[in-house]
């Protein structure tokens, strides 16, 4: 299967004029889902995710890419989709936004900033790390990385399956680059998007190669 990942970073808010320019590109039905965020960081991350999708469609659909983008809808659960495909998934954490897109099969992606956590608070959801922590005197920094490694793998599977946060994380069983969820085998790859972050992509079909490309959206270049 063909699989493409795009990512972008931001440290500051874009200018008001550039934000309005970007918002004008959005389908009318999608704009409220962006503007509902009060924090500019959340609003900008959501907007940038849609802009990455717009750019991906322009690359893959030379003649009807804008029609594809304008057909963007939201499910009753709030998940964006394009009738007739392609399949895509968006994730963001702190100042990094990622998009995975494919012409066939299901795909999910999740990225998280690595931060200090109390593993005991998540032992029910991430037993893989909780068991390791109990058996070994493991460095806290290493435990944090292991935790978000597991977390992003499970989240990517849930997002790819369409379950999102509707299914418990503990129902996703991880095993050496694969995951099992609702009788489906998912194939997982770790992506080195940014230092200090964990990012994984999950697909229901095996993909030998994932193309990763960075995009600058801070200067109005799309």
N, C-alpha and C. Protein backbone atom coordinates (compact mmCIF):
# COMPACT_ATOMS: atom_id res chain seq x y z
N UNK A 1 0.83 -1.19 0.00
CA UNK A 1 0.00 0.00 0.00
C UNK A 1 0.88 1.25 0.00
N UNK A 2 0.42 2.30 -0.65
CA UNK A 2 1.13 3.58 -0.69
C UNK A 2 0.77 4.38 0.55
N UNK A 3 1.78 4.85 1.26
CA UNK A 3 1.54 5.53 2.53
C UNK A 3 2.42 6.77 2.62
N UNK A 4 1.80 7.91 2.87
CA UNK A 4 2.51 9.17 2.95
C UNK A 4 2.21 9.86 4.27
N UNK A 5 3.25 10.40 4.90
CA UNK A 5 3.09 11.15 6.13
C UNK A 5 3.65 12.56 5.93
N UNK A 6 2.87 13.55 6.32
CA UNK A 6 3.32 14.94 6.29
C UNK A 6 3.30 15.47 7.73
N UNK A 7 4.23 16.36 8.04
CA UNK A 7 4.22 16.97 9.37
C UNK A 7 4.62 18.43 9.27
N UNK A 8 4.21 19.20 10.27
CA UNK A 8 4.57 20.61 10.35
C UNK A 8 4.76 20.98 11.81
N UNK A 9 5.51 22.06 12.04
CA UNK A 9 5.78 22.53 13.40
C UNK A 9 5.45 24.02 13.50
N UNK A 10 5.10 24.44 14.70
CA UNK A 10 4.93 25.87 14.94
C UNK A 10 5.34 26.17 16.37
N UNK A 11 5.90 27.35 16.56
CA UNK A 11 6.27 27.78 17.90
C UNK A 11 5.45 28.97 18.33
N UNK A 12 5.04 29.76 17.34
CA UNK A 12 4.26 30.97 17.60
C UNK A 12 2.97 30.92 16.80
N UNK A 13 2.08 31.84 17.12
CA UNK A 13 0.83 31.96 16.37
C UNK A 13 1.10 32.67 15.04
N UNK A 14 0.41 32.23 14.00
CA UNK A 14 0.50 32.94 12.73
C UNK A 14 -0.23 34.27 12.87
N UNK A 15 0.04 35.18 11.96
CA UNK A 15 -0.62 36.48 12.00
C UNK A 15 -2.13 36.31 11.79
N UNK A 16 -2.89 37.31 12.24
CA UNK A 16 -4.34 37.25 12.07
C UNK A 16 -4.74 37.19 10.61
N UNK A 17 -4.01 37.90 9.76
CA UNK A 17 -4.34 37.91 8.33
C UNK A 17 -4.07 36.55 7.70
N UNK A 18 -2.98 35.89 8.11
CA UNK A 18 -2.67 34.57 7.55
C UNK A 18 -3.67 33.53 8.06
N UNK A 19 -4.06 33.65 9.32
CA UNK A 19 -5.07 32.73 9.85
C UNK A 19 -6.38 32.88 9.07
N UNK A 20 -6.78 34.09 8.78
CA UNK A 20 -8.01 34.30 8.00
C UNK A 20 -7.88 33.75 6.59
N UNK A 21 -6.69 33.90 6.00
CA UNK A 21 -6.45 33.35 4.67
C UNK A 21 -6.59 31.84 4.68
N UNK A 22 -6.00 31.20 5.69
CA UNK A 22 -6.09 29.76 5.80
C UNK A 22 -7.52 29.31 6.08
N UNK A 23 -8.22 30.02 6.95
CA UNK A 23 -9.60 29.66 7.27
C UNK A 23 -10.50 29.75 6.04
N UNK A 24 -10.20 30.71 5.17
CA UNK A 24 -11.01 30.86 3.95
C UNK A 24 -10.88 29.65 3.02
N UNK A 25 -9.82 28.88 3.17
CA UNK A 25 -9.63 27.68 2.36
C UNK A 25 -10.46 26.50 2.87
N UNK A 26 -10.95 26.60 4.09
CA UNK A 26 -11.65 25.48 4.71
C UNK A 26 -13.09 25.37 4.21
N UNK A 27 -13.60 24.17 4.06
CA UNK A 27 -15.03 24.00 3.73
C UNK A 27 -15.88 24.63 4.83
N UNK A 28 -16.99 25.26 4.47
CA UNK A 28 -17.81 25.95 5.48
C UNK A 28 -18.22 25.06 6.65
N UNK A 29 -18.48 23.79 6.37
CA UNK A 29 -18.91 22.89 7.44
C UNK A 29 -17.81 22.52 8.40
N UNK A 30 -16.56 22.78 8.03
CA UNK A 30 -15.42 22.42 8.86
C UNK A 30 -14.96 23.58 9.73
N UNK A 31 -15.19 24.81 9.30
CA UNK A 31 -14.68 25.97 10.02
C UNK A 31 -15.13 26.02 11.48
N UNK A 32 -16.40 25.73 11.79
CA UNK A 32 -16.80 25.77 13.21
C UNK A 32 -16.02 24.80 14.09
N UNK A 33 -15.61 23.66 13.53
CA UNK A 33 -14.86 22.69 14.32
C UNK A 33 -13.46 23.19 14.63
N UNK A 34 -12.99 24.18 13.87
CA UNK A 34 -11.69 24.80 14.12
C UNK A 34 -11.83 25.98 15.07
N UNK A 35 -12.82 26.81 14.82
CA UNK A 35 -12.99 28.04 15.58
C UNK A 35 -13.54 27.81 16.99
N UNK A 36 -14.01 26.59 17.28
CA UNK A 36 -14.56 26.34 18.61
C UNK A 36 -13.48 26.31 19.68
N UNK A 37 -12.22 26.17 19.27
CA UNK A 37 -11.13 26.13 20.25
C UNK A 37 -10.79 27.54 20.72
N UNK A 38 -10.72 27.72 22.02
CA UNK A 38 -10.39 29.03 22.59
C UNK A 38 -8.89 29.29 22.58
N UNK A 39 -8.09 28.26 22.87
CA UNK A 39 -6.64 28.43 22.88
C UNK A 39 -6.13 28.48 21.44
N UNK A 40 -5.30 29.48 21.15
CA UNK A 40 -4.81 29.60 19.77
C UNK A 40 -3.99 28.39 19.37
N UNK A 41 -3.31 27.75 20.34
CA UNK A 41 -2.50 26.58 20.02
C UNK A 41 -3.36 25.44 19.48
N UNK A 42 -4.50 25.20 20.12
CA UNK A 42 -5.40 24.14 19.67
C UNK A 42 -6.04 24.49 18.34
N UNK A 43 -6.44 25.74 18.20
CA UNK A 43 -7.07 26.18 16.96
C UNK A 43 -6.09 26.09 15.79
N UNK A 44 -4.85 26.51 16.03
CA UNK A 44 -3.86 26.49 14.95
C UNK A 44 -3.46 25.06 14.60
N UNK A 45 -3.32 24.20 15.60
CA UNK A 45 -2.97 22.81 15.32
C UNK A 45 -4.06 22.13 14.49
N UNK A 46 -5.32 22.38 14.83
CA UNK A 46 -6.43 21.80 14.07
C UNK A 46 -6.46 22.34 12.65
N UNK A 47 -6.24 23.64 12.50
CA UNK A 47 -6.20 24.26 11.18
C UNK A 47 -5.05 23.72 10.35
N UNK A 48 -3.88 23.58 10.96
CA UNK A 48 -2.71 23.09 10.23
C UNK A 48 -2.91 21.64 9.78
N UNK A 49 -3.60 20.84 10.58
CA UNK A 49 -3.88 19.47 10.16
C UNK A 49 -4.68 19.43 8.88
N UNK A 50 -5.69 20.31 8.78
CA UNK A 50 -6.52 20.37 7.56
C UNK A 50 -5.70 20.91 6.39
N UNK A 51 -4.79 21.83 6.65
CA UNK A 51 -3.95 22.37 5.58
C UNK A 51 -2.99 21.30 5.05
N UNK A 52 -2.46 20.46 5.94
CA UNK A 52 -1.63 19.35 5.48
C UNK A 52 -2.43 18.43 4.56
N UNK A 53 -3.68 18.19 4.92
CA UNK A 53 -4.54 17.35 4.08
C UNK A 53 -4.78 18.01 2.73
N UNK A 54 -5.02 19.30 2.73
CA UNK A 54 -5.22 20.02 1.47
C UNK A 54 -4.00 19.87 0.56
N UNK A 55 -2.81 20.02 1.13
CA UNK A 55 -1.59 19.87 0.34
C UNK A 55 -1.42 18.46 -0.18
N UNK A 56 -1.76 17.46 0.64
CA UNK A 56 -1.64 16.06 0.22
C UNK A 56 -2.59 15.75 -0.93
N UNK A 57 -3.80 16.29 -0.88
CA UNK A 57 -4.76 16.06 -1.95
C UNK A 57 -4.31 16.72 -3.24
N UNK A 58 -3.69 17.88 -3.14
CA UNK A 58 -3.21 18.57 -4.34
C UNK A 58 -2.13 17.76 -5.04
N UNK A 59 -1.31 17.04 -4.27
CA UNK A 59 -0.26 16.21 -4.85
C UNK A 59 -0.85 14.98 -5.55
N UNK A 60 -1.86 14.38 -4.94
CA UNK A 60 -2.39 13.10 -5.44
C UNK A 60 -3.50 13.25 -6.46
N UNK A 61 -4.27 14.35 -6.37
CA UNK A 61 -5.41 14.54 -7.28
C UNK A 61 -5.21 15.85 -8.02
N UNK A 62 -4.65 15.72 -9.21
CA UNK A 62 -4.22 16.92 -9.95
C UNK A 62 -5.38 17.77 -10.43
N UNK A 63 -6.52 17.17 -10.72
CA UNK A 63 -7.62 17.91 -11.32
C UNK A 63 -8.76 18.22 -10.35
N UNK A 64 -9.04 17.33 -9.44
CA UNK A 64 -10.19 17.53 -8.56
C UNK A 64 -9.81 17.58 -7.09
N UNK A 65 -8.57 18.02 -6.79
CA UNK A 65 -8.13 18.04 -5.41
C UNK A 65 -8.94 18.99 -4.55
N UNK A 66 -9.31 20.16 -5.10
CA UNK A 66 -10.09 21.10 -4.31
C UNK A 66 -11.51 20.58 -4.09
N UNK A 67 -12.08 19.91 -5.10
CA UNK A 67 -13.40 19.32 -4.91
C UNK A 67 -13.36 18.25 -3.83
N UNK A 68 -12.27 17.47 -3.83
CA UNK A 68 -12.10 16.46 -2.79
C UNK A 68 -12.07 17.11 -1.41
N UNK A 69 -11.29 18.16 -1.30
CA UNK A 69 -11.15 18.83 -0.01
C UNK A 69 -12.46 19.47 0.43
N UNK A 70 -13.17 20.07 -0.50
CA UNK A 70 -14.43 20.73 -0.16
C UNK A 70 -15.51 19.73 0.23
N UNK A 71 -15.31 18.46 -0.12
CA UNK A 71 -16.29 17.43 0.25
C UNK A 71 -16.05 16.89 1.66
N UNK A 72 -15.02 17.41 2.33
CA UNK A 72 -14.67 16.98 3.67
C UNK A 72 -15.87 17.11 4.60
N UNK A 73 -16.16 16.03 5.33
CA UNK A 73 -17.29 16.01 6.25
C UNK A 73 -16.84 15.50 7.61
N UNK A 74 -17.73 15.59 8.58
CA UNK A 74 -17.48 15.06 9.91
C UNK A 74 -18.50 13.97 10.22
N UNK A 75 -18.02 12.87 10.80
CA UNK A 75 -18.94 11.84 11.26
C UNK A 75 -19.67 12.35 12.50
N UNK A 76 -20.63 11.57 12.98
CA UNK A 76 -21.36 11.96 14.18
C UNK A 76 -20.44 12.02 15.40
N UNK A 77 -19.32 11.29 15.32
CA UNK A 77 -18.34 11.31 16.40
C UNK A 77 -17.32 12.43 16.24
N UNK A 78 -17.46 13.22 15.16
CA UNK A 78 -16.56 14.35 14.95
C UNK A 78 -15.30 14.02 14.18
N UNK A 79 -15.22 12.81 13.60
CA UNK A 79 -14.03 12.44 12.83
C UNK A 79 -14.18 12.92 11.39
N UNK A 80 -13.20 13.67 10.87
CA UNK A 80 -13.27 14.13 9.48
C UNK A 80 -13.03 12.99 8.50
N UNK A 81 -13.72 13.01 7.37
CA UNK A 81 -13.52 12.01 6.33
C UNK A 81 -13.89 12.60 4.98
N UNK A 82 -13.38 11.96 3.91
CA UNK A 82 -13.68 12.36 2.54
C UNK A 82 -14.48 11.24 1.89
N UNK A 83 -15.71 11.48 1.48
CA UNK A 83 -16.48 10.44 0.80
C UNK A 83 -15.74 9.93 -0.43
N UNK A 84 -15.55 8.64 -0.53
CA UNK A 84 -14.82 8.05 -1.64
C UNK A 84 -13.32 8.01 -1.46
N UNK A 85 -12.84 8.48 -0.30
CA UNK A 85 -11.41 8.42 -0.01
C UNK A 85 -10.64 9.61 -0.57
N UNK A 86 -9.36 9.70 -0.28
CA UNK A 86 -8.51 8.70 0.38
C UNK A 86 -8.73 8.64 1.89
N UNK A 87 -8.18 7.59 2.50
CA UNK A 87 -8.21 7.47 3.94
C UNK A 87 -7.10 8.34 4.55
N UNK A 88 -7.41 8.99 5.65
CA UNK A 88 -6.39 9.83 6.28
C UNK A 88 -6.64 9.90 7.78
N UNK A 89 -5.63 10.33 8.50
CA UNK A 89 -5.75 10.52 9.94
C UNK A 89 -4.78 11.60 10.37
N UNK A 90 -5.20 12.42 11.32
CA UNK A 90 -4.42 13.57 11.78
C UNK A 90 -4.21 13.48 13.29
N UNK A 91 -3.04 13.90 13.73
CA UNK A 91 -2.76 13.95 15.17
C UNK A 91 -1.87 15.16 15.44
N UNK A 92 -1.97 15.68 16.66
CA UNK A 92 -1.06 16.77 17.05
C UNK A 92 -0.79 16.72 18.53
N UNK A 93 0.36 17.21 18.90
CA UNK A 93 0.76 17.32 20.30
C UNK A 93 1.71 18.49 20.43
N UNK A 94 1.40 19.37 21.38
CA UNK A 94 2.22 20.58 21.57
C UNK A 94 2.34 21.33 20.24
N UNK A 95 3.55 21.43 19.67
CA UNK A 95 3.75 22.26 18.48
C UNK A 95 3.95 21.45 17.20
N UNK A 96 3.66 20.16 17.22
CA UNK A 96 3.85 19.31 16.05
C UNK A 96 2.51 18.72 15.60
N UNK A 97 2.28 18.78 14.30
CA UNK A 97 1.06 18.24 13.69
C UNK A 97 1.47 17.23 12.63
N UNK A 98 0.81 16.07 12.59
CA UNK A 98 1.13 15.03 11.61
C UNK A 98 -0.13 14.58 10.89
N UNK A 99 0.05 14.18 9.64
CA UNK A 99 -1.02 13.65 8.81
C UNK A 99 -0.53 12.39 8.12
N UNK A 100 -1.35 11.33 8.16
CA UNK A 100 -1.08 10.12 7.40
C UNK A 100 -2.19 9.96 6.38
N UNK A 101 -1.83 9.62 5.15
CA UNK A 101 -2.83 9.49 4.09
C UNK A 101 -2.47 8.30 3.21
N UNK A 102 -3.50 7.57 2.78
CA UNK A 102 -3.29 6.40 1.92
C UNK A 102 -4.49 6.24 0.99
N UNK A 103 -4.24 5.62 -0.17
CA UNK A 103 -5.30 5.39 -1.14
C UNK A 103 -6.07 4.10 -0.85
N UNK A 104 -5.51 3.24 -0.02
CA UNK A 104 -6.18 1.96 0.25
C UNK A 104 -5.94 1.54 1.69
N UNK A 105 -6.93 0.88 2.26
CA UNK A 105 -6.79 0.40 3.63
C UNK A 105 -7.06 1.47 4.65
N UNK A 106 -7.04 1.06 5.90
CA UNK A 106 -7.27 1.97 7.02
C UNK A 106 -5.94 2.42 7.60
N UNK A 107 -5.92 3.63 8.14
CA UNK A 107 -4.68 4.17 8.69
C UNK A 107 -4.99 5.01 9.92
N UNK A 108 -4.11 4.92 10.91
CA UNK A 108 -4.20 5.75 12.09
C UNK A 108 -2.82 6.23 12.47
N UNK A 109 -2.74 7.43 13.01
CA UNK A 109 -1.45 7.98 13.43
C UNK A 109 -1.64 8.72 14.75
N UNK A 110 -0.62 8.65 15.60
CA UNK A 110 -0.69 9.36 16.87
C UNK A 110 0.70 9.86 17.24
N UNK A 111 0.77 11.08 17.72
CA UNK A 111 2.02 11.66 18.19
C UNK A 111 1.79 12.27 19.56
N UNK A 112 2.77 12.12 20.44
CA UNK A 112 2.67 12.67 21.79
C UNK A 112 4.03 13.21 22.21
N UNK A 113 4.01 14.37 22.87
CA UNK A 113 5.20 14.91 23.49
C UNK A 113 5.55 14.07 24.71
N UNK A 114 6.80 13.63 24.81
CA UNK A 114 7.23 12.84 25.97
C UNK A 114 7.33 13.76 27.18
N UNK A 115 6.66 13.36 28.24
CA UNK A 115 6.67 14.16 29.46
C UNK A 115 6.62 13.21 30.65
N UNK A 116 6.88 13.75 31.82
CA UNK A 116 6.88 12.94 33.03
C UNK A 116 5.47 12.51 33.38
N UNK A 117 5.29 11.22 33.69
CA UNK A 117 3.98 10.71 34.09
C UNK A 117 4.16 9.79 35.29
N UNK A 118 3.09 9.56 35.98
CA UNK A 118 3.06 8.57 37.06
C UNK A 118 2.48 7.29 36.48
N UNK A 119 3.33 6.30 36.25
CA UNK A 119 2.90 5.09 35.56
C UNK A 119 1.77 4.38 36.30
N UNK A 120 1.69 4.56 37.62
CA UNK A 120 0.64 3.90 38.39
C UNK A 120 -0.75 4.41 38.00
N UNK A 121 -0.81 5.64 37.51
CA UNK A 121 -2.10 6.20 37.09
C UNK A 121 -2.61 5.55 35.81
N UNK A 122 -1.72 4.88 35.08
CA UNK A 122 -2.09 4.32 33.77
C UNK A 122 -1.89 2.81 33.70
N UNK A 123 -1.63 2.18 34.83
CA UNK A 123 -1.32 0.75 34.82
C UNK A 123 -2.45 -0.08 34.22
N UNK A 124 -3.68 0.36 34.37
CA UNK A 124 -4.81 -0.37 33.81
C UNK A 124 -4.81 -0.33 32.29
N UNK A 125 -4.36 0.79 31.72
CA UNK A 125 -4.45 1.00 30.27
C UNK A 125 -3.19 0.56 29.53
N UNK A 126 -2.04 0.66 30.19
CA UNK A 126 -0.77 0.31 29.56
C UNK A 126 -0.08 -0.74 30.43
N UNK A 127 -0.62 -1.95 30.51
CA UNK A 127 -0.01 -2.96 31.38
C UNK A 127 1.39 -3.35 30.93
N UNK A 128 1.70 -3.18 29.64
CA UNK A 128 3.03 -3.53 29.14
C UNK A 128 4.12 -2.76 29.88
N UNK A 129 3.91 -1.48 30.08
CA UNK A 129 4.90 -0.65 30.77
C UNK A 129 4.79 -0.82 32.28
N UNK A 130 3.56 -0.95 32.77
CA UNK A 130 3.36 -1.10 34.21
C UNK A 130 4.06 -2.35 34.74
N UNK A 131 3.98 -3.45 34.00
CA UNK A 131 4.62 -4.69 34.43
C UNK A 131 6.14 -4.55 34.42
N UNK A 132 6.67 -3.88 33.40
CA UNK A 132 8.12 -3.66 33.33
C UNK A 132 8.59 -2.81 34.50
N UNK A 133 7.80 -1.81 34.82
CA UNK A 133 8.18 -0.89 35.89
C UNK A 133 8.19 -1.61 37.24
N UNK A 134 7.28 -2.54 37.43
CA UNK A 134 7.19 -3.26 38.70
C UNK A 134 8.33 -4.26 38.86
N UNK A 135 8.78 -4.84 37.75
CA UNK A 135 9.78 -5.90 37.82
C UNK A 135 11.21 -5.37 37.85
N UNK A 136 11.41 -4.17 37.36
CA UNK A 136 12.77 -3.66 37.23
C UNK A 136 12.88 -2.25 37.82
N UNK A 137 14.05 -1.94 38.30
CA UNK A 137 14.34 -0.58 38.78
C UNK A 137 14.74 0.25 37.56
N UNK A 138 13.75 0.73 36.82
CA UNK A 138 13.97 1.38 35.54
C UNK A 138 14.07 2.90 35.70
N UNK A 139 14.98 3.51 34.95
CA UNK A 139 15.14 4.95 34.96
C UNK A 139 13.82 5.62 34.59
N UNK A 140 13.38 6.64 35.37
CA UNK A 140 12.10 7.29 35.10
C UNK A 140 11.99 7.85 33.68
N UNK A 141 13.08 8.43 33.18
CA UNK A 141 13.04 8.96 31.83
C UNK A 141 12.80 7.88 30.81
N UNK A 142 13.40 6.72 31.02
CA UNK A 142 13.20 5.58 30.12
C UNK A 142 11.77 5.07 30.21
N UNK A 143 11.23 5.04 31.42
CA UNK A 143 9.84 4.61 31.60
C UNK A 143 8.89 5.55 30.87
N UNK A 144 9.13 6.85 30.96
CA UNK A 144 8.28 7.82 30.26
C UNK A 144 8.29 7.57 28.75
N UNK A 145 9.48 7.31 28.19
CA UNK A 145 9.58 7.05 26.75
C UNK A 145 8.86 5.75 26.39
N UNK A 146 9.06 4.70 27.18
CA UNK A 146 8.37 3.44 26.93
C UNK A 146 6.85 3.62 27.00
N UNK A 147 6.42 4.40 27.96
CA UNK A 147 4.99 4.64 28.11
C UNK A 147 4.40 5.26 26.85
N UNK A 148 5.02 6.34 26.37
CA UNK A 148 4.47 7.03 25.20
C UNK A 148 4.68 6.23 23.92
N UNK A 149 5.70 5.37 23.89
CA UNK A 149 5.83 4.42 22.78
C UNK A 149 4.59 3.53 22.72
N UNK A 150 4.23 2.96 23.85
CA UNK A 150 3.06 2.08 23.89
C UNK A 150 1.76 2.85 23.66
N UNK A 151 1.67 4.01 24.28
CA UNK A 151 0.45 4.82 24.18
C UNK A 151 0.16 5.19 22.72
N UNK A 152 1.18 5.69 22.00
CA UNK A 152 0.95 6.13 20.63
C UNK A 152 0.67 4.95 19.69
N UNK A 153 1.24 3.79 19.98
CA UNK A 153 0.91 2.61 19.18
C UNK A 153 -0.57 2.24 19.34
N UNK A 154 -1.02 2.20 20.57
CA UNK A 154 -2.41 1.83 20.84
C UNK A 154 -3.38 2.87 20.29
N UNK A 155 -3.05 4.15 20.48
CA UNK A 155 -3.91 5.21 19.98
C UNK A 155 -3.99 5.18 18.45
N UNK A 156 -2.86 4.92 17.79
CA UNK A 156 -2.87 4.85 16.33
C UNK A 156 -3.80 3.74 15.85
N UNK A 157 -3.78 2.61 16.53
CA UNK A 157 -4.67 1.49 16.17
C UNK A 157 -6.12 1.88 16.37
N UNK A 158 -6.44 2.46 17.53
CA UNK A 158 -7.82 2.85 17.81
C UNK A 158 -8.32 3.87 16.80
N UNK A 159 -7.47 4.83 16.45
CA UNK A 159 -7.86 5.85 15.49
C UNK A 159 -8.04 5.25 14.10
N UNK A 160 -7.15 4.33 13.72
CA UNK A 160 -7.27 3.69 12.42
C UNK A 160 -8.51 2.83 12.31
N UNK A 161 -8.93 2.23 13.42
CA UNK A 161 -10.11 1.38 13.42
C UNK A 161 -11.41 2.18 13.43
N UNK A 162 -11.29 3.48 13.70
CA UNK A 162 -12.48 4.31 13.77
C UNK A 162 -13.09 4.37 15.15
N UNK A 163 -12.48 3.66 16.11
CA UNK A 163 -13.02 3.63 17.46
C UNK A 163 -12.62 4.86 18.27
N UNK A 164 -11.50 5.46 17.91
CA UNK A 164 -11.04 6.63 18.64
C UNK A 164 -10.91 6.33 20.12
N UNK A 165 -11.52 7.16 20.94
CA UNK A 165 -11.48 6.96 22.39
C UNK A 165 -12.67 6.15 22.89
N UNK A 166 -13.44 5.57 21.97
CA UNK A 166 -14.62 4.82 22.37
C UNK A 166 -14.28 3.45 22.92
N UNK A 167 -13.10 2.93 22.59
CA UNK A 167 -12.67 1.61 23.07
C UNK A 167 -11.50 1.78 24.04
N UNK A 168 -11.44 0.95 25.07
CA UNK A 168 -10.35 1.05 26.04
C UNK A 168 -9.00 0.70 25.43
N UNK A 169 -7.96 1.42 25.83
CA UNK A 169 -6.62 1.17 25.33
C UNK A 169 -6.16 -0.25 25.62
N UNK A 170 -6.57 -0.79 26.76
CA UNK A 170 -6.09 -2.11 27.15
C UNK A 170 -6.60 -3.22 26.23
N UNK A 171 -7.59 -2.93 25.38
CA UNK A 171 -8.08 -3.93 24.44
C UNK A 171 -7.15 -4.10 23.24
N UNK A 172 -6.21 -3.17 23.07
CA UNK A 172 -5.23 -3.27 21.99
C UNK A 172 -4.01 -4.02 22.52
N UNK A 173 -3.74 -5.20 21.94
CA UNK A 173 -2.61 -6.02 22.37
C UNK A 173 -1.43 -5.81 21.44
N UNK A 174 -0.29 -5.40 21.98
CA UNK A 174 0.91 -5.11 21.18
C UNK A 174 1.84 -6.32 21.17
N UNK A 175 2.44 -6.56 19.99
CA UNK A 175 3.41 -7.65 19.89
C UNK A 175 4.36 -7.41 18.73
N UNK A 176 5.57 -6.91 19.02
CA UNK A 176 6.68 -6.82 18.07
C UNK A 176 6.28 -6.24 16.71
N UNK A 177 5.87 -5.00 16.71
CA UNK A 177 5.56 -4.32 15.45
C UNK A 177 4.17 -4.57 14.92
N UNK A 178 3.37 -5.32 15.66
CA UNK A 178 1.97 -5.54 15.28
C UNK A 178 1.08 -5.30 16.49
N UNK A 179 -0.19 -5.19 16.22
CA UNK A 179 -1.18 -5.07 17.28
C UNK A 179 -2.41 -5.85 16.89
N UNK A 180 -3.13 -6.33 17.87
CA UNK A 180 -4.34 -7.10 17.63
C UNK A 180 -5.51 -6.40 18.33
N UNK A 181 -6.55 -6.15 17.53
CA UNK A 181 -7.70 -5.44 18.06
C UNK A 181 -8.94 -5.86 17.29
N UNK A 182 -9.94 -6.38 18.01
CA UNK A 182 -11.19 -6.83 17.39
C UNK A 182 -10.93 -7.78 16.21
N UNK A 183 -10.08 -8.77 16.42
CA UNK A 183 -9.79 -9.82 15.43
C UNK A 183 -9.09 -9.29 14.18
N UNK A 184 -8.54 -8.10 14.26
CA UNK A 184 -7.80 -7.52 13.14
C UNK A 184 -6.34 -7.34 13.54
N UNK A 185 -5.44 -7.70 12.64
CA UNK A 185 -4.01 -7.46 12.86
C UNK A 185 -3.63 -6.12 12.25
N UNK A 186 -2.98 -5.30 13.04
CA UNK A 186 -2.51 -4.00 12.60
C UNK A 186 -0.99 -4.00 12.55
N UNK A 187 -0.45 -3.33 11.54
CA UNK A 187 1.00 -3.24 11.36
C UNK A 187 1.44 -1.83 11.78
N UNK A 188 2.45 -1.79 12.63
CA UNK A 188 2.83 -0.53 13.28
C UNK A 188 4.27 -0.16 12.94
N UNK A 189 4.47 1.13 12.66
CA UNK A 189 5.81 1.65 12.43
C UNK A 189 6.02 2.88 13.30
N UNK A 190 7.24 3.00 13.84
CA UNK A 190 7.60 4.19 14.59
C UNK A 190 8.22 5.20 13.65
N UNK A 191 7.80 6.45 13.77
CA UNK A 191 8.29 7.50 12.88
C UNK A 191 9.10 8.53 13.66
N UNK A 192 10.33 8.81 13.23
CA UNK A 192 11.17 9.81 13.91
C UNK A 192 10.82 11.22 13.45
N UNK A 193 9.68 11.73 13.90
CA UNK A 193 9.19 13.02 13.43
C UNK A 193 9.96 14.18 14.07
N UNK A 194 10.09 14.15 15.40
CA UNK A 194 10.74 15.25 16.11
C UNK A 194 11.33 14.74 17.41
N UNK A 195 12.46 15.31 17.79
CA UNK A 195 13.10 14.92 19.05
C UNK A 195 12.20 15.27 20.23
N UNK A 196 12.10 14.34 21.18
CA UNK A 196 11.26 14.57 22.34
C UNK A 196 9.82 14.17 22.16
N UNK A 197 9.51 13.57 21.02
CA UNK A 197 8.15 13.11 20.73
C UNK A 197 8.17 11.62 20.38
N UNK A 198 7.06 10.96 20.61
CA UNK A 198 6.83 9.60 20.13
C UNK A 198 5.73 9.65 19.08
N UNK A 199 5.94 8.98 17.97
CA UNK A 199 4.94 8.95 16.91
C UNK A 199 4.90 7.56 16.28
N UNK A 200 3.70 7.01 16.12
CA UNK A 200 3.52 5.71 15.48
C UNK A 200 2.38 5.80 14.47
N UNK A 201 2.51 4.98 13.44
CA UNK A 201 1.47 4.86 12.43
C UNK A 201 1.02 3.41 12.38
N UNK A 202 -0.29 3.19 12.23
CA UNK A 202 -0.86 1.84 12.21
C UNK A 202 -1.71 1.67 10.95
N UNK A 203 -1.54 0.54 10.27
CA UNK A 203 -2.30 0.23 9.06
C UNK A 203 -2.80 -1.20 9.14
N UNK A 204 -3.92 -1.45 8.46
CA UNK A 204 -4.44 -2.81 8.44
C UNK A 204 -3.90 -3.62 7.27
N UNK A 205 -3.00 -3.01 6.50
CA UNK A 205 -2.29 -3.70 5.43
C UNK A 205 -0.79 -3.42 5.59
N UNK A 206 0.02 -4.39 5.27
CA UNK A 206 1.47 -4.23 5.43
C UNK A 206 2.01 -3.23 4.42
N UNK A 207 2.80 -2.28 4.90
CA UNK A 207 3.44 -1.29 4.04
C UNK A 207 4.94 -1.35 4.28
N UNK A 208 5.70 -1.57 3.22
CA UNK A 208 7.15 -1.68 3.35
C UNK A 208 7.82 -0.33 3.57
N UNK A 209 7.20 0.72 3.04
CA UNK A 209 7.86 2.03 3.09
C UNK A 209 6.85 3.12 3.41
N UNK A 210 7.25 4.02 4.29
CA UNK A 210 6.44 5.19 4.62
C UNK A 210 7.24 6.43 4.24
N UNK A 211 6.73 7.22 3.31
CA UNK A 211 7.39 8.46 2.91
C UNK A 211 6.99 9.57 3.89
N UNK A 212 7.98 10.29 4.41
CA UNK A 212 7.73 11.34 5.41
C UNK A 212 8.26 12.66 4.86
N UNK A 213 7.43 13.70 4.94
CA UNK A 213 7.82 15.00 4.39
C UNK A 213 7.39 16.12 5.32
N UNK A 214 8.30 17.05 5.59
CA UNK A 214 7.98 18.22 6.40
C UNK A 214 7.43 19.34 5.55
N UNK A 215 6.53 20.12 6.11
CA UNK A 215 5.86 21.23 5.41
C UNK A 215 5.92 22.47 6.30
N UNK A 216 6.29 23.61 5.72
CA UNK A 216 6.32 24.87 6.45
C UNK A 216 5.02 25.63 6.20
N UNK A 217 4.22 25.80 7.23
CA UNK A 217 2.95 26.53 7.09
C UNK A 217 2.97 27.88 7.82
N UNK A 218 4.09 28.22 8.40
CA UNK A 218 4.17 29.46 9.17
C UNK A 218 4.29 30.71 8.31
N UNK A 219 4.68 30.53 7.07
CA UNK A 219 4.93 31.69 6.19
C UNK A 219 3.98 31.77 5.02
N UNK A 220 2.85 31.08 5.11
CA UNK A 220 1.86 31.16 4.05
C UNK A 220 2.20 30.35 2.82
N UNK A 221 3.14 29.42 2.93
CA UNK A 221 3.55 28.60 1.79
C UNK A 221 2.83 27.26 1.90
N UNK A 222 2.06 26.92 0.89
CA UNK A 222 1.31 25.66 0.90
C UNK A 222 1.39 25.02 -0.48
